[in-house]
Amino acid sequence: MGIPYGLLHGVNIYLVLGVCFLANVLVFPIMMFFLNTVNKSLLRWHFYKKSALYIARRAKTGSGDKIRKYGFYGLIFFVMLPVPGTGVYAGSIASYLFKIERKKAFVANTIGIFLSSLIVWVTTLLTMKGMA
């Protein structure tokens, strides 16, 4: 939402891309911190645990097979898709659930975020010019 919003409100096109990309990159370390520390504390509460298990099951059955099968590249593709239910939040959760090495997961998420940002950026620019 940030890229179309910024472009439609006249913000410099490169600034929009850079800020939105960096903001999304920062989500990964924050999510990993949450999943590794806060999540473990909250799992003691029944409602939270029930919700967390539901999300984990959905993540594993949804695209979990592809992420497990293709590993690094599967995670890039999963994060890259600019559709609901994918992206860096879901990619961070998938990295945590499938115990993907943190550095590899960060790089895969970053590449996926960049490609997704580029897709949304170009699509929005073309739409604004009446070409898409």
C-alpha atoms as a PDB file:
ATOM      1  CA  MET A   1       0.000   0.000   0.000  1.00  0.00           C
ATOM      2  CA  GLY A   2       2.884   2.373   0.670  1.00  0.00           C
ATOM      3  CA  ILE A   3       4.194   2.485  -2.882  1.00  0.00           C
ATOM      4  CA  PRO A   4       0.884   3.318  -4.607  1.00  0.00           C
ATOM      5  CA  TYR A   5       0.006   5.779  -1.819  1.00  0.00           C
ATOM      6  CA  GLY A   6       3.321   7.610  -2.094  1.00  0.00           C
ATOM      7  CA  LEU A   7       3.292   7.728  -5.873  1.00  0.00           C
ATOM      8  CA  LEU A   8      -0.317   8.934  -6.030  1.00  0.00           C
ATOM      9  CA  HIS A   9       0.511  11.728  -3.582  1.00  0.00           C
ATOM     10  CA  GLY A  10       3.428  13.044  -5.640  1.00  0.00           C
ATOM     11  CA  VAL A  11       6.363  11.789  -3.562  1.00  0.00           C
ATOM     12  CA  ASN A  12       9.596  11.297  -5.545  1.00  0.00           C
ATOM     13  CA  ILE A  13       9.338   7.921  -7.291  1.00  0.00           C
ATOM     14  CA  TYR A  14      12.777   6.721  -6.179  1.00  0.00           C
ATOM     15  CA  LEU A  15      12.286   7.882  -2.608  1.00  0.00           C
ATOM     16  CA  VAL A  16       9.009   5.938  -2.434  1.00  0.00           C
ATOM     17  CA  LEU A  17      10.697   2.769  -3.665  1.00  0.00           C
ATOM     18  CA  GLY A  18      13.662   3.128  -1.302  1.00  0.00           C
ATOM     19  CA  VAL A  19      11.682   3.976   1.826  1.00  0.00           C
ATOM     20  CA  CYS A  20       9.081   1.259   1.263  1.00  0.00           C
ATOM     21  CA  PHE A  21      11.768  -1.323   0.531  1.00  0.00           C
ATOM     22  CA  LEU A  22      13.772  -0.449   3.662  1.00  0.00           C
ATOM     23  CA  ALA A  23      10.659  -0.357   5.837  1.00  0.00           C
ATOM     24  CA  ASN A  24       9.779  -3.870   4.692  1.00  0.00           C
ATOM     25  CA  VAL A  25      13.338  -5.111   5.246  1.00  0.00           C
ATOM     26  CA  LEU A  26      13.117  -3.934   8.868  1.00  0.00           C
ATOM     27  CA  VAL A  27      10.076  -6.154   9.424  1.00  0.00           C
ATOM     28  CA  PHE A  28      12.181  -9.347   9.320  1.00  0.00           C
ATOM     29  CA  PRO A  29      14.420  -8.667  12.361  1.00  0.00           C
ATOM     30  CA  ILE A  30      11.439  -7.351  14.325  1.00  0.00           C
ATOM     31  CA  MET A  31       9.403 -10.467  13.493  1.00  0.00           C
ATOM     32  CA  MET A  32      12.307 -12.765  14.367  1.00  0.00           C
ATOM     33  CA  PHE A  33      12.723 -11.017  17.712  1.00  0.00           C
ATOM     34  CA  PHE A  34       8.996 -11.398  18.362  1.00  0.00           C
ATOM     35  CA  LEU A  35       8.917 -15.058  17.341  1.00  0.00           C
ATOM     36  CA  ASN A  36      12.030 -15.983  19.324  1.00  0.00           C
ATOM     37  CA  THR A  37      11.245 -14.107  22.548  1.00  0.00           C
ATOM     38  CA  VAL A  38       7.785 -12.632  22.961  1.00  0.00           C
ATOM     39  CA  ASN A  39       6.033 -15.527  21.204  1.00  0.00           C
ATOM     40  CA  LYS A  40       7.478 -18.064  23.641  1.00  0.00           C
ATOM     41  CA  SER A  41       6.154 -16.092  26.598  1.00  0.00           C
ATOM     42  CA  LEU A  42       2.705 -15.624  25.087  1.00  0.00           C
ATOM     43  CA  LEU A  43       2.312 -19.316  24.255  1.00  0.00           C
ATOM     44  CA  ARG A  44       1.390 -19.887  27.910  1.00  0.00           C
ATOM     45  CA  TRP A  45      -2.026 -18.290  27.277  1.00  0.00           C
ATOM     46  CA  HIS A  46      -4.634 -20.575  25.745  1.00  0.00           C
ATOM     47  CA  PHE A  47      -6.190 -18.040  23.361  1.00  0.00           C
ATOM     48  CA  TYR A  48      -2.811 -16.951  21.980  1.00  0.00           C
ATOM     49  CA  LYS A  49      -1.573 -20.523  21.676  1.00  0.00           C
ATOM     50  CA  LYS A  50      -4.731 -21.571  19.827  1.00  0.00           C
ATOM     51  CA  SER A  51      -4.383 -18.632  17.401  1.00  0.00           C
ATOM     52  CA  ALA A  52      -0.655 -19.222  16.885  1.00  0.00           C
ATOM     53  CA  LEU A  53      -1.213 -22.913  16.128  1.00  0.00           C
ATOM     54  CA  TYR A  54      -3.926 -22.014  13.622  1.00  0.00           C
ATOM     55  CA  ILE A  55      -1.587 -19.606  11.808  1.00  0.00           C
ATOM     56  CA  ALA A  56       1.258 -22.138  11.899  1.00  0.00           C
ATOM     57  CA  ARG A  57      -0.942 -24.858  10.387  1.00  0.00           C
ATOM     58  CA  ARG A  58      -2.109 -22.516   7.625  1.00  0.00           C
ATOM     59  CA  ALA A  59       1.454 -21.490   6.849  1.00  0.00           C
ATOM     60  CA  LYS A  60       2.660 -25.073   6.705  1.00  0.00           C
ATOM     61  CA  THR A  61      -0.176 -26.367   4.539  1.00  0.00           C
ATOM     62  CA  GLY A  62      -0.478 -23.314   2.270  1.00  0.00           C
ATOM     63  CA  SER A  63       2.904 -22.956   0.626  1.00  0.00           C
ATOM     64  CA  GLY A  64       4.929 -24.867   3.144  1.00  0.00           C
ATOM     65  CA  ASP A  65       5.523 -27.760   0.775  1.00  0.00           C
ATOM     66  CA  LYS A  66       7.019 -25.461  -1.832  1.00  0.00           C
ATOM     67  CA  ILE A  67       9.157 -23.611   0.683  1.00  0.00           C
ATOM     68  CA  ARG A  68      10.328 -26.917   2.144  1.00  0.00           C
ATOM     69  CA  LYS A  69      11.003 -28.371  -1.330  1.00  0.00           C
ATOM     70  CA  TYR A  70      12.725 -25.358  -2.909  1.00  0.00           C
ATOM     71  CA  GLY A  71      14.194 -23.868   0.280  1.00  0.00           C
ATOM     72  CA  PHE A  72      15.924 -20.539  -0.316  1.00  0.00           C
ATOM     73  CA  TYR A  73      14.384 -19.976  -3.762  1.00  0.00           C
ATOM     74  CA  GLY A  74      10.945 -21.075  -2.607  1.00  0.00           C
ATOM     75  CA  LEU A  75      11.106 -18.500   0.180  1.00  0.00           C
ATOM     76  CA  ILE A  76      12.160 -15.771  -2.276  1.00  0.00           C
ATOM     77  CA  PHE A  77       9.228 -16.628  -4.544  1.00  0.00           C
ATOM     78  CA  PHE A  78       6.796 -16.760  -1.625  1.00  0.00           C
ATOM     79  CA  VAL A  79       7.854 -13.336  -0.325  1.00  0.00           C
ATOM     80  CA  MET A  80       8.023 -11.878  -3.836  1.00  0.00           C
ATOM     81  CA  LEU A  81       4.361 -12.484  -4.692  1.00  0.00           C
ATOM     82  CA  PRO A  82       2.499  -9.215  -4.121  1.00  0.00           C
ATOM     83  CA  VAL A  83      -0.764 -10.872  -3.071  1.00  0.00           C
ATOM     84  CA  PRO A  84      -2.525 -11.139   0.312  1.00  0.00           C
ATOM     85  CA  GLY A  85      -1.101 -13.839   2.585  1.00  0.00           C
ATOM     86  CA  THR A  86       2.437 -13.594   1.268  1.00  0.00           C
ATOM     87  CA  GLY A  87       5.194 -11.099   1.886  1.00  0.00           C
ATOM     88  CA  VAL A  88       7.741 -10.480   4.575  1.00  0.00           C
ATOM     89  CA  TYR A  89       5.406 -11.172   7.515  1.00  0.00           C
ATOM     90  CA  ALA A  90       4.435 -14.571   6.169  1.00  0.00           C
ATOM     91  CA  GLY A  91       8.001 -15.185   4.989  1.00  0.00           C
ATOM     92  CA  SER A  92       9.324 -14.485   8.481  1.00  0.00           C
ATOM     93  CA  ILE A  93       6.814 -16.877  10.011  1.00  0.00           C
ATOM     94  CA  ALA A  94       7.668 -19.527   7.411  1.00  0.00           C
ATOM     95  CA  SER A  95      11.397 -19.055   8.111  1.00  0.00           C
ATOM     96  CA  TYR A  96      10.731 -19.568  11.805  1.00  0.00           C
ATOM     97  CA  LEU A  97       8.455 -22.586  11.343  1.00  0.00           C
ATOM     98  CA  PHE A  98      10.732 -24.379   8.892  1.00  0.00           C
ATOM     99  CA  LYS A  99      13.836 -23.474  10.890  1.00  0.00           C
ATOM    100  CA  ILE A 100      15.607 -21.872   7.940  1.00  0.00           C
ATOM    101  CA  GLU A 101      19.000 -20.472   8.933  1.00  0.00           C
ATOM    102  CA  ARG A 102      18.496 -16.836   9.932  1.00  0.00           C
ATOM    103  CA  LYS A 103      21.070 -15.310   7.549  1.00  0.00           C
ATOM    104  CA  LYS A 104      19.732 -17.281   4.583  1.00  0.00           C
ATOM    105  CA  ALA A 105      16.166 -16.388   5.529  1.00  0.00           C
ATOM    106  CA  PHE A 106      17.069 -12.701   5.805  1.00  0.00           C
ATOM    107  CA  VAL A 107      18.718 -12.694   2.376  1.00  0.00           C
ATOM    108  CA  ALA A 108      15.811 -14.608   0.805  1.00  0.00           C
ATOM    109  CA  ASN A 109      13.271 -12.250   2.397  1.00  0.00           C
ATOM    110  CA  THR A 110      15.264  -9.195   1.287  1.00  0.00           C
ATOM    111  CA  ILE A 111      15.493 -10.396  -2.317  1.00  0.00           C
ATOM    112  CA  GLY A 112      11.794 -11.258  -2.302  1.00  0.00           C
ATOM    113  CA  ILE A 113      10.900  -7.859  -0.825  1.00  0.00           C
ATOM    114  CA  PHE A 114      12.970  -6.077  -3.466  1.00  0.00           C
ATOM    115  CA  LEU A 115      11.352  -7.986  -6.325  1.00  0.00           C
ATOM    116  CA  SER A 116       7.877  -7.478  -4.905  1.00  0.00           C
ATOM    117  CA  SER A 117       8.517  -3.763  -4.374  1.00  0.00           C
ATOM    118  CA  LEU A 118       9.771  -3.490  -7.940  1.00  0.00           C
ATOM    119  CA  ILE A 119       6.682  -5.253  -9.314  1.00  0.00           C
ATOM    120  CA  VAL A 120       4.303  -2.973  -7.387  1.00  0.00           C
ATOM    121  CA  TRP A 121       6.370   0.134  -8.209  1.00  0.00           C
ATOM    122  CA  VAL A 122       6.498  -0.525 -11.959  1.00  0.00           C
ATOM    123  CA  THR A 123       2.845  -1.579 -12.102  1.00  0.00           C
ATOM    124  CA  THR A 124       1.772   1.573 -10.257  1.00  0.00           C
ATOM    125  CA  LEU A 125       3.910   3.830 -12.464  1.00  0.00           C
ATOM    126  CA  LEU A 126       2.540   2.216 -15.635  1.00  0.00           C
ATOM    127  CA  THR A 127      -1.018   2.470 -14.352  1.00  0.00           C
ATOM    128  CA  MET A 128      -0.534   6.141 -13.533  1.00  0.00           C
ATOM    129  CA  LYS A 129       0.684   6.736 -17.090  1.00  0.00           C
ATOM    130  CA  GLY A 130      -2.283   4.786 -18.478  1.00  0.00           C
ATOM    131  CA  MET A 131      -0.234   1.894 -19.873  1.00  0.00           C
ATOM    132  CA  ALA A 132      -1.246  -1.026 -17.684  1.00  0.00           C
END
